[in-house]
Amino acid sequence: MSTETLVPATSGRAASGATPPPLPAQHQLRVVQDLFIRRWGEMGQVWGINRTMAEIHALLYIVGTPQCTDDVMERLHISHGNASMSLRALCDWKIVHRMHRRGKRREYFETLSDV
């Protein structure tokens, strides 16, 4: 009979087949939102809509809170001109509308909650 020594798997490397530690909830939410935004942009392109416009629409829809142009630029890594033109076109289509917050100088944008 052989005796085996069991060593706990706490050495920083997970044993093969073990699941990695869970990500923080905020990070998980961000990853899922980014995937949704990317896929919505891909679908928009297939439908003949500018990819960036579709991604902005998806961002405004998925975050659920009004975003300013700077927020959109930062999240999607796009230029100010691209963000402004896309937001203007979405407003012209009445998919997105402008809003103002009391005491703020920036314009905020939100989309309809029913796609």
C-alpha atoms as a PDB file:
ATOM      1  CA  MET A   1       0.000   0.000   0.000  1.00  0.00           C
ATOM      2  CA  SER A   2       1.263   3.420  -0.872  1.00  0.00           C
ATOM      3  CA  THR A   3       0.517   6.486   1.124  1.00  0.00           C
ATOM      4  CA  GLU A   4      -0.178   9.716  -0.700  1.00  0.00           C
ATOM      5  CA  THR A   5       0.331  13.144   0.745  1.00  0.00           C
ATOM      6  CA  LEU A   6      -2.442  15.594  -0.087  1.00  0.00           C
ATOM      7  CA  VAL A   7      -1.318  19.148  -0.586  1.00  0.00           C
ATOM      8  CA  PRO A   8      -3.920  21.916  -0.612  1.00  0.00           C
ATOM      9  CA  ALA A   9      -4.140  23.816  -3.897  1.00  0.00           C
ATOM     10  CA  THR A  10      -3.465  27.258  -2.473  1.00  0.00           C
ATOM     11  CA  SER A  11      -0.194  27.922  -4.230  1.00  0.00           C
ATOM     12  CA  GLY A  12      -1.572  30.568  -6.615  1.00  0.00           C
ATOM     13  CA  ARG A  13      -2.021  28.150  -9.520  1.00  0.00           C
ATOM     14  CA  ALA A  14      -5.363  26.454  -9.809  1.00  0.00           C
ATOM     15  CA  ALA A  15      -5.414  22.721 -10.243  1.00  0.00           C
ATOM     16  CA  SER A  16      -6.266  21.580 -13.743  1.00  0.00           C
ATOM     17  CA  GLY A  17      -9.996  21.680 -14.317  1.00  0.00           C
ATOM     18  CA  ALA A  18     -10.566  24.043 -11.416  1.00  0.00           C
ATOM     19  CA  THR A  19     -12.612  27.158 -12.058  1.00  0.00           C
ATOM     20  CA  PRO A  20     -10.829  30.504 -11.739  1.00  0.00           C
ATOM     21  CA  PRO A  21     -11.846  32.783  -8.889  1.00  0.00           C
ATOM     22  CA  PRO A  22     -14.940  34.878  -9.651  1.00  0.00           C
ATOM     23  CA  LEU A  23     -14.485  38.378 -11.015  1.00  0.00           C
ATOM     24  CA  PRO A  24     -15.901  41.300  -9.059  1.00  0.00           C
ATOM     25  CA  ALA A  25     -19.520  42.011  -9.995  1.00  0.00           C
ATOM     26  CA  GLN A  26     -18.730  45.456 -11.497  1.00  0.00           C
ATOM     27  CA  HIS A  27     -16.089  43.946 -13.763  1.00  0.00           C
ATOM     28  CA  GLN A  28     -18.421  41.141 -14.846  1.00  0.00           C
ATOM     29  CA  LEU A  29     -21.127  43.681 -15.682  1.00  0.00           C
ATOM     30  CA  ARG A  30     -18.672  45.755 -17.735  1.00  0.00           C
ATOM     31  CA  VAL A  31     -17.520  42.675 -19.694  1.00  0.00           C
ATOM     32  CA  VAL A  32     -21.113  41.685 -20.512  1.00  0.00           C
ATOM     33  CA  GLN A  33     -22.027  45.255 -21.488  1.00  0.00           C
ATOM     34  CA  ASP A  34     -18.991  45.504 -23.769  1.00  0.00           C
ATOM     35  CA  LEU A  35     -19.937  42.235 -25.466  1.00  0.00           C
ATOM     36  CA  PHE A  36     -23.508  43.459 -26.003  1.00  0.00           C
ATOM     37  CA  ILE A  37     -22.244  46.760 -27.442  1.00  0.00           C
ATOM     38  CA  ARG A  38     -19.859  45.006 -29.810  1.00  0.00           C
ATOM     39  CA  ARG A  39     -22.516  42.560 -31.029  1.00  0.00           C
ATOM     40  CA  TRP A  40     -25.105  45.334 -31.507  1.00  0.00           C
ATOM     41  CA  GLY A  41     -22.542  47.219 -33.584  1.00  0.00           C
ATOM     42  CA  GLU A  42     -21.939  44.120 -35.712  1.00  0.00           C
ATOM     43  CA  MET A  43     -25.679  43.658 -36.261  1.00  0.00           C
ATOM     44  CA  GLY A  44     -26.070  47.319 -37.154  1.00  0.00           C
ATOM     45  CA  GLN A  45     -23.382  46.968 -39.791  1.00  0.00           C
ATOM     46  CA  VAL A  46     -25.253  44.022 -41.334  1.00  0.00           C
ATOM     47  CA  TRP A  47     -28.435  46.133 -41.384  1.00  0.00           C
ATOM     48  CA  GLY A  48     -26.600  48.945 -43.192  1.00  0.00           C
ATOM     49  CA  ILE A  49     -26.217  51.216 -40.167  1.00  0.00           C
ATOM     50  CA  ASN A  50     -22.894  52.793 -39.280  1.00  0.00           C
ATOM     51  CA  ARG A  51     -21.180  50.548 -36.729  1.00  0.00           C
ATOM     52  CA  THR A  52     -20.285  53.404 -34.376  1.00  0.00           C
ATOM     53  CA  MET A  53     -23.857  54.682 -34.377  1.00  0.00           C
ATOM     54  CA  ALA A  54     -25.126  51.215 -33.490  1.00  0.00           C
ATOM     55  CA  GLU A  55     -22.539  50.889 -30.714  1.00  0.00           C
ATOM     56  CA  ILE A  56     -23.505  54.278 -29.254  1.00  0.00           C
ATOM     57  CA  HIS A  57     -27.156  53.260 -29.317  1.00  0.00           C
ATOM     58  CA  ALA A  58     -26.276  49.994 -27.571  1.00  0.00           C
ATOM     59  CA  LEU A  59     -24.216  51.817 -24.948  1.00  0.00           C
ATOM     60  CA  LEU A  60     -27.021  54.247 -24.142  1.00  0.00           C
ATOM     61  CA  TYR A  61     -29.490  51.384 -23.988  1.00  0.00           C
ATOM     62  CA  ILE A  62     -27.433  48.995 -21.854  1.00  0.00           C
ATOM     63  CA  VAL A  63     -26.143  51.469 -19.234  1.00  0.00           C
ATOM     64  CA  GLY A  64     -29.650  52.825 -18.631  1.00  0.00           C
ATOM     65  CA  THR A  65     -28.503  56.276 -17.552  1.00  0.00           C
ATOM     66  CA  PRO A  66     -28.005  59.411 -19.658  1.00  0.00           C
ATOM     67  CA  GLN A  67     -24.447  59.822 -20.923  1.00  0.00           C
ATOM     68  CA  CYS A  68     -22.617  62.927 -22.127  1.00  0.00           C
ATOM     69  CA  THR A  69     -20.460  62.977 -25.259  1.00  0.00           C
ATOM     70  CA  ASP A  70     -17.291  62.599 -23.167  1.00  0.00           C
ATOM     71  CA  ASP A  71     -18.700  59.479 -21.481  1.00  0.00           C
ATOM     72  CA  VAL A  72     -19.467  57.948 -24.888  1.00  0.00           C
ATOM     73  CA  MET A  73     -16.020  58.843 -26.241  1.00  0.00           C
ATOM     74  CA  GLU A  74     -14.241  57.340 -23.247  1.00  0.00           C
ATOM     75  CA  ARG A  75     -16.241  54.122 -23.131  1.00  0.00           C
ATOM     76  CA  LEU A  76     -16.110  53.383 -26.875  1.00  0.00           C
ATOM     77  CA  HIS A  77     -12.646  54.865 -27.529  1.00  0.00           C
ATOM     78  CA  ILE A  78     -13.853  57.087 -30.370  1.00  0.00           C
ATOM     79  CA  SER A  79     -13.064  60.658 -31.393  1.00  0.00           C
ATOM     80  CA  HIS A  80     -15.115  63.669 -30.394  1.00  0.00           C
ATOM     81  CA  GLY A  81     -16.139  64.286 -33.999  1.00  0.00           C
ATOM     82  CA  ASN A  82     -17.287  60.704 -34.503  1.00  0.00           C
ATOM     83  CA  ALA A  83     -19.261  60.739 -31.253  1.00  0.00           C
ATOM     84  CA  SER A  84     -20.885  64.108 -32.020  1.00  0.00           C
ATOM     85  CA  MET A  85     -21.878  63.212 -35.579  1.00  0.00           C
ATOM     86  CA  SER A  86     -23.235  59.817 -34.556  1.00  0.00           C
ATOM     87  CA  LEU A  87     -25.215  61.240 -31.640  1.00  0.00           C
ATOM     88  CA  ARG A  88     -26.642  63.967 -33.881  1.00  0.00           C
ATOM     89  CA  ALA A  89     -27.745  61.369 -36.462  1.00  0.00           C
ATOM     90  CA  LEU A  90     -29.337  59.196 -33.760  1.00  0.00           C
ATOM     91  CA  CYS A  91     -31.193  62.272 -32.466  1.00  0.00           C
ATOM     92  CA  ASP A  92     -32.360  63.082 -36.012  1.00  0.00           C
ATOM     93  CA  TRP A  93     -33.735  59.531 -36.269  1.00  0.00           C
ATOM     94  CA  LYS A  94     -35.486  60.106 -32.909  1.00  0.00           C
ATOM     95  CA  ILE A  95     -33.836  56.999 -31.450  1.00  0.00           C
ATOM     96  CA  VAL A  96     -31.858  59.085 -28.973  1.00  0.00           C
ATOM     97  CA  HIS A  97     -32.861  62.355 -27.394  1.00  0.00           C
ATOM     98  CA  ARG A  98     -30.936  65.156 -25.739  1.00  0.00           C
ATOM     99  CA  MET A  99     -31.550  66.169 -22.204  1.00  0.00           C
ATOM    100  CA  HIS A 100     -30.092  68.672 -19.798  1.00  0.00           C
ATOM    101  CA  ARG A 101     -29.353  68.225 -16.140  1.00  0.00           C
ATOM    102  CA  ARG A 102     -30.007  71.107 -13.828  1.00  0.00           C
ATOM    103  CA  GLY A 103     -26.757  72.847 -12.950  1.00  0.00           C
ATOM    104  CA  LYS A 104     -24.772  71.066 -15.673  1.00  0.00           C
ATOM    105  CA  ARG A 105     -23.569  72.700 -18.869  1.00  0.00           C
ATOM    106  CA  ARG A 106     -23.203  69.487 -20.834  1.00  0.00           C
ATOM    107  CA  GLU A 107     -25.829  67.833 -22.962  1.00  0.00           C
ATOM    108  CA  TYR A 108     -26.735  64.303 -22.002  1.00  0.00           C
ATOM    109  CA  PHE A 109     -28.200  61.662 -24.248  1.00  0.00           C
ATOM    110  CA  GLU A 110     -30.523  58.765 -23.561  1.00  0.00           C
ATOM    111  CA  THR A 111     -32.293  56.237 -25.703  1.00  0.00           C
ATOM    112  CA  LEU A 112     -35.736  54.733 -25.587  1.00  0.00           C
ATOM    113  CA  SER A 113     -35.983  51.806 -23.216  1.00  0.00           C
ATOM    114  CA  ASP A 114     -38.043  49.832 -25.763  1.00  0.00           C
ATOM    115  CA  VAL A 115     -35.803  48.838 -28.664  1.00  0.00           C
END
